[in-house]
Protein backbone atom coordinates (compact mmCIF):
# COMPACT_ATOMS: atom_id res chain seq x y z
CA MET A 1 23.18 36.03 37.53
CA SER A 2 22.50 32.29 37.26
CA ARG A 3 20.15 30.14 39.29
CA GLY A 4 23.21 28.26 40.49
CA ASP A 5 24.58 31.47 42.01
CA PHE A 6 21.40 31.90 44.06
CA GLU A 7 21.43 28.26 45.17
CA ALA A 8 25.09 28.48 46.23
CA ALA A 9 24.37 31.70 48.15
CA ALA A 10 21.38 30.06 49.84
CA ALA A 11 23.57 27.13 50.89
CA ARG A 12 26.16 29.47 52.40
CA ALA A 13 23.52 31.51 54.23
CA ALA A 14 21.82 28.40 55.61
CA ALA A 15 25.16 26.99 56.77
CA ALA A 16 26.06 30.27 58.48
CA LEU A 17 22.66 30.63 60.15
CA GLY A 18 21.88 27.07 61.21
CA PRO A 19 18.41 25.49 61.11
CA ILE A 20 16.63 27.71 63.65
CA ARG A 21 17.69 31.05 62.18
CA THR A 22 17.31 29.77 58.63
CA LYS A 23 13.68 29.08 59.47
CA ASP A 24 13.39 32.60 60.92
CA LEU A 25 14.87 34.09 57.74
CA ALA A 26 12.44 32.10 55.59
CA GLY A 27 9.56 33.45 57.65
CA LEU A 28 10.71 37.05 57.25
CA LEU A 29 11.09 36.63 53.49
CA ALA A 30 7.68 34.97 53.20
CA ARG A 31 6.14 38.00 54.93
CA GLY A 32 7.79 40.32 52.41
CA ARG A 33 10.09 42.07 54.85
CA SER A 34 12.68 44.45 53.43
CA GLU A 35 16.40 43.74 53.35
CA GLU A 36 17.00 46.35 56.04
CA PHE A 37 14.33 44.82 58.28
CA VAL A 38 15.69 41.28 57.78
CA LEU A 39 19.25 42.24 58.69
CA HIS A 40 18.03 44.16 61.74
CA ALA A 41 15.59 41.50 62.94
CA LEU A 42 18.02 38.57 62.95
CA PRO A 43 20.89 38.53 65.53
CA ILE A 44 23.31 37.30 62.90
CA SER A 45 26.38 39.53 62.87
CA ALA A 46 28.67 36.61 62.00
CA ALA A 47 26.32 35.43 59.24
CA GLU A 48 25.38 38.88 57.91
CA PRO A 49 27.74 38.76 54.88
CA ALA A 50 26.22 35.45 53.76
CA VAL A 51 22.66 36.72 54.22
CA THR A 52 23.46 39.98 52.41
CA GLU A 53 24.93 37.98 49.54
CA LEU A 54 21.78 35.84 49.37
CA LEU A 55 19.53 38.89 49.26
CA GLY A 56 21.67 40.37 46.51
CA HIS A 57 21.41 37.21 44.40
CA MET A 58 17.63 37.23 44.90
CA ALA A 59 17.40 40.76 43.52
CA SER A 60 19.79 40.25 40.61
CA GLY A 61 18.46 36.81 39.70
CA GLY A 62 14.78 37.66 39.83
CA VAL A 63 14.11 35.17 42.62
CA THR A 64 10.95 36.11 44.52
CA ALA A 65 10.87 36.29 48.29
CA ALA A 66 8.30 33.50 48.40
CA GLU A 67 10.48 31.25 46.25
CA ALA A 68 13.56 31.98 48.35
CA ALA A 69 11.60 31.27 51.55
CA ALA A 70 10.44 27.92 50.17
CA TYR A 71 14.01 27.06 49.17
CA LEU A 72 15.33 27.87 52.65
CA ARG A 73 12.55 25.86 54.28
CA GLY A 74 13.76 22.93 52.21
CA TYR A 75 17.09 23.16 54.02
CA VAL A 76 15.33 23.19 57.38
CA ALA A 77 13.27 20.14 56.38
CA ALA A 78 16.45 18.33 55.31
CA TRP A 79 18.08 19.09 58.66
CA SER A 80 15.02 17.72 60.45
CA ALA A 81 15.07 14.54 58.36
CA GLN A 82 18.74 14.01 59.19
CA ALA A 83 18.15 14.39 62.92
CA ASP A 84 17.16 10.72 63.23
CA ALA A 85 20.03 9.40 61.09
CA VAL A 86 23.10 9.50 63.32
CA ASP A 87 26.33 7.58 62.82
CA VAL A 88 28.86 7.71 65.69
CA ARG A 89 32.30 6.12 65.37
CA THR A 90 35.40 6.15 67.52
CA VAL A 91 38.66 7.58 66.20
CA TRP A 92 42.02 6.56 67.62
CA THR A 93 45.60 7.65 67.18
CA GLY A 94 48.34 5.40 68.51
CA PRO A 95 48.77 1.63 68.95
CA ALA A 96 46.22 -0.65 67.32
CA THR A 97 44.68 -3.74 68.94
CA PRO A 98 43.18 -6.90 67.35
CA GLY A 99 39.50 -6.66 66.58
CA VAL A 100 39.21 -2.88 67.01
CA PRO A 101 39.28 -0.89 63.74
CA VAL A 102 41.59 2.09 64.10
CA ARG A 103 41.36 5.15 61.87
CA SER A 104 43.99 7.72 62.75
CA THR A 105 42.93 11.17 63.84
CA ALA A 106 45.06 12.64 61.04
CA GLN A 107 43.20 10.65 58.39
CA VAL A 108 39.73 11.45 59.76
CA LEU A 109 40.48 15.14 60.36
CA THR A 110 41.69 15.58 56.79
CA GLU A 111 38.57 13.80 55.51
CA VAL A 112 36.33 16.12 57.54
CA VAL A 113 38.02 19.16 56.01
CA ARG A 114 37.77 17.73 52.51
CA GLU A 115 34.07 16.95 52.91
CA ALA A 116 33.22 20.56 53.79
CA ARG A 117 31.36 22.36 51.01
CA SER A 118 30.22 25.61 52.62
CA GLU A 119 31.45 25.89 56.23
CA LEU A 120 34.24 24.48 58.37
CA ILE A 121 34.82 25.39 62.01
CA ALA A 122 37.75 24.04 64.02
CA MET A 123 39.04 24.57 67.55
CA THR A 124 42.38 23.61 69.06
CA TYR A 125 44.51 24.33 72.09
CA SER A 126 47.97 23.83 70.64
CA ALA A 127 48.81 23.91 66.95
CA ARG A 128 51.80 23.31 64.73
CA SER A 129 51.98 23.31 60.96
CA PHE A 130 50.91 19.87 59.69
CA GLY A 131 51.28 19.53 55.93
CA PRO A 132 48.26 17.36 55.01
CA LEU A 133 45.92 19.45 57.16
CA ILE A 134 47.22 22.78 55.82
CA SER A 135 46.83 21.51 52.24
CA ALA A 136 43.27 20.36 52.91
CA LEU A 137 42.38 23.70 54.50
CA GLY A 138 43.81 25.59 51.52
CA GLU A 139 41.79 23.45 49.12
CA ALA A 140 38.66 24.08 51.19
CA VAL A 141 39.10 27.86 51.00
CA ALA A 142 39.75 27.62 47.27
CA ARG A 143 36.41 25.87 46.66
CA GLY A 144 34.51 28.54 48.60
CA VAL A 145 34.31 27.04 52.09
CA ALA A 146 34.12 29.55 54.95
CA VAL A 147 36.94 28.36 57.23
CA ASP A 148 37.03 29.56 60.85
CA ILE A 149 39.61 28.30 63.34
CA VAL A 150 39.62 29.07 67.08
CA VAL A 151 43.00 28.82 68.77
CA GLU A 152 44.49 29.33 72.21
CA THR A 153 47.10 32.07 72.59
CA LEU A 154 50.36 32.11 74.50
CA ALA A 155 48.90 34.78 76.78
CA GLY A 156 45.80 32.69 77.40
CA ALA A 157 47.85 29.58 78.12
CA ALA A 158 49.83 31.58 80.71
CA GLY A 159 53.11 29.74 80.28
CA LEU A 160 51.72 26.27 79.55
CA LEU A 161 52.44 26.68 75.81
CA SER A 162 55.79 27.60 74.35
CA GLY A 163 57.14 28.43 70.91
CA PRO A 164 55.23 30.40 68.29
CA GLU A 165 51.60 31.38 68.67
CA PRO A 166 49.27 28.47 67.75
CA ALA A 167 47.65 30.80 65.19
CA ALA A 168 50.91 30.90 63.26
CA ALA A 169 50.27 27.35 62.05
CA PHE A 170 47.27 28.58 60.02
CA LYS A 171 48.51 31.97 58.81
CA VAL A 172 49.69 30.24 55.62
CA VAL A 173 46.07 29.48 54.67
CA PRO A 174 44.82 32.59 52.83
CA GLY A 175 41.19 33.27 53.55
CA ALA A 176 40.98 31.28 56.79
CA ARG A 177 39.67 33.39 59.67
CA LEU A 178 41.32 32.96 63.06
CA TRP A 179 39.61 33.56 66.40
CA HIS A 180 40.66 33.46 70.06
CA TRP A 181 39.21 33.72 73.56
CA PRO A 182 40.63 36.96 75.01
CA VAL A 183 41.87 36.79 78.56
CA ASP A 184 39.53 39.64 79.53
CA GLN A 185 36.56 37.46 78.49
CA ARG A 186 37.52 34.62 80.84
CA GLU A 187 35.50 34.59 84.03
CA HIS A 188 37.92 32.38 85.94
CA PRO A 189 41.68 33.03 86.26
CA GLY A 190 43.67 30.27 84.64
CA ALA A 191 40.84 29.21 82.28
CA ARG A 192 42.07 27.77 78.97
CA GLN A 193 40.64 27.43 75.47
CA HIS A 194 41.05 23.67 75.53
CA ALA A 195 38.38 22.47 73.06
CA LYS A 196 39.52 20.32 70.14
CA LEU A 197 37.04 19.75 67.34
CA ALA A 198 36.22 20.19 63.68
CA VAL A 199 32.70 20.48 62.25
CA ALA A 200 31.87 20.52 58.52
CA ASP A 201 28.63 21.95 57.13
CA ARG A 202 26.92 21.36 60.49
CA GLU A 203 26.59 17.72 59.47
CA LEU A 204 29.90 16.13 60.45
CA LEU A 205 31.63 16.59 63.81
CA LEU A 206 35.02 15.31 64.95
CA LEU A 207 35.44 15.76 68.69
CA GLY A 208 38.39 14.42 70.64
CA SER A 209 41.52 14.88 72.68
CA ALA A 210 43.96 15.58 69.84
CA ASN A 211 45.42 19.03 69.21
CA LEU A 212 45.90 20.12 65.61
CA THR A 213 49.57 19.18 65.59
CA ALA A 214 51.57 16.41 63.91
CA SER A 215 52.01 14.66 67.27
CA GLY A 216 48.39 15.20 68.27
CA VAL A 217 46.89 13.75 65.09
CA GLY A 218 49.59 11.22 64.27
CA ARG A 219 51.89 10.12 67.10
CA ASN A 220 50.21 10.42 70.50
CA LEU A 221 47.68 8.05 72.01
CA GLU A 222 44.52 10.06 71.39
CA ALA A 223 40.80 9.24 71.29
CA GLY A 224 37.81 10.91 69.72
CA VAL A 225 34.40 10.41 68.14
CA LEU A 226 33.17 11.16 64.64
CA VAL A 227 29.48 12.10 64.55
CA ARG A 228 27.68 12.19 61.22
CA GLY A 229 24.12 13.49 61.20
CA GLY A 230 21.85 14.28 64.09
CA THR A 231 21.80 17.57 65.96
CA ALA A 232 25.27 17.48 67.56
CA PRO A 233 27.24 18.90 64.60
CA ALA A 234 24.78 21.77 64.08
CA ARG A 235 24.59 22.55 67.80
CA ALA A 236 28.38 22.68 68.05
CA ALA A 237 28.66 25.06 65.10
CA GLU A 238 25.80 27.23 66.36
CA HIS A 239 27.38 27.47 69.82
CA ILE A 240 30.69 28.67 68.38
CA ARG A 241 28.94 31.14 66.05
CA GLU A 242 27.00 32.55 69.00
CA LEU A 243 30.21 32.96 71.03
CA ILE A 244 31.62 34.92 68.08
CA ARG A 245 28.44 37.00 67.75
CA ARG A 246 28.54 37.91 71.45
CA GLY A 247 32.21 38.87 71.28
CA VAL A 248 33.30 36.12 73.66
CA LEU A 249 35.48 34.89 70.81
CA ARG A 250 37.23 37.64 68.88
CA GLU A 251 39.08 37.73 65.61
CA TYR A 252 42.80 37.06 66.05
CA SER A 253 45.17 39.74 64.80
């Protein structure tokens, strides 16, 4: 097993855990805790495969627990250093105006997907198959990115969506995991899964009004923001991962 395999596994584990739990994992490793203890001590059901993979590469690659802990702490330090470097830009779909740079939602969304190296999380209310986005998602999965997409369902929309299930738009992407908010998890009658976002590697967040449809990202008048750096991308990803861990969001089947 090569050093590169360990480093890639560490990157995936850190991306799945986020900065706080990555620091916790580093502390457990530094104290020489066993694999069983580590997996039991961290509330990381969604990230457990990535952590298990990392521990396996440590054993097969001869990487000591102290060395792995130092490596993971390097990720945490990098996150902290990025917290002060934030770039926020507006993203528009629709008519342009003089003096205001317009970058279409479709263009920016595809770029976010293509920048992802270890993790991509997206949420949408409505969805239809959109060629450039589907291609970018397929390429992301092929290069080892963990792709998770949260969609609304026809049952959850309670008649406000028609046609095929929004999840059907992404079923053509092998390896992408689909999630939904079950009706029995909704505290208020009529609540909808209405969030629209994409976050890559907990470093880049696109948040806006556009659904992941051809009209939403290309034809409608839509607005959004693209956040690079800072804590917002990581917090968004961590929130969604925690909703999955708690069973509020469940895998779509």
